């Protein structure tokens, strides 16, 4: 059974969402405060977070960033804040979707189903094609059948790319996930150097894996 954490301060809406999720076969934890949500997240196996932005003890954006620092699970915002800037902040914080209230419960359930199926298939950090083999669980990579050494930074980059295949990872999000937790400042130029070095190891004229979305970030397209 997959478990979903619902962080929503509107008690009636929280209960309604939890009821529908339980009816659909999910394990559900419903809380109205971020701090309680952190406790639940740490103590239980959580596979997805449904998150409001306006909460009694802070903004959901900070909770999403905290979740992503713990482990990579999908986050969907459910919020009344429909300003474009807020939605962009939501996506930049690492969320898979940003849904404004009121919303269709049927559509929400379908989105949850699609996202959880996709993430379940990529939980093992392995990538294989005729040119490249990556097994990050065992810190092993081969290119054209030959062992290829990767640095710790390149390994962290690959981890982010493989956990978020096909999704745009902004410069700021990558910098935050790769280095901020260690207190080391690294600018976009240094990030670009590391990405280009990694591309030089795994790419050739017939194989492209990392796309540079100009002015925004990088995306794994392999």
Foldseek 3Di string as FASTA:
>chain_A
DAEEEEAAQPVVVQVVLCVVCVVVPHHYHYDPALVVVVVPVVVDHHQEYEEEQDGPVHGCLVSLLVSVLVDDHAYEYEYQPPDPVVQVSNVLSPHPYYHYPPDDSVVVVVVVVVRSVVQVVLVQLWDDDCAKTDGLVVQWIDGNNHTDHDDPLLSQVSVVQSSAAPDFHFLVNSQCNRPVVVVDDDDSVNVVVNVVVSCVVHHDPVDDAWDQPPPTGIHGHD
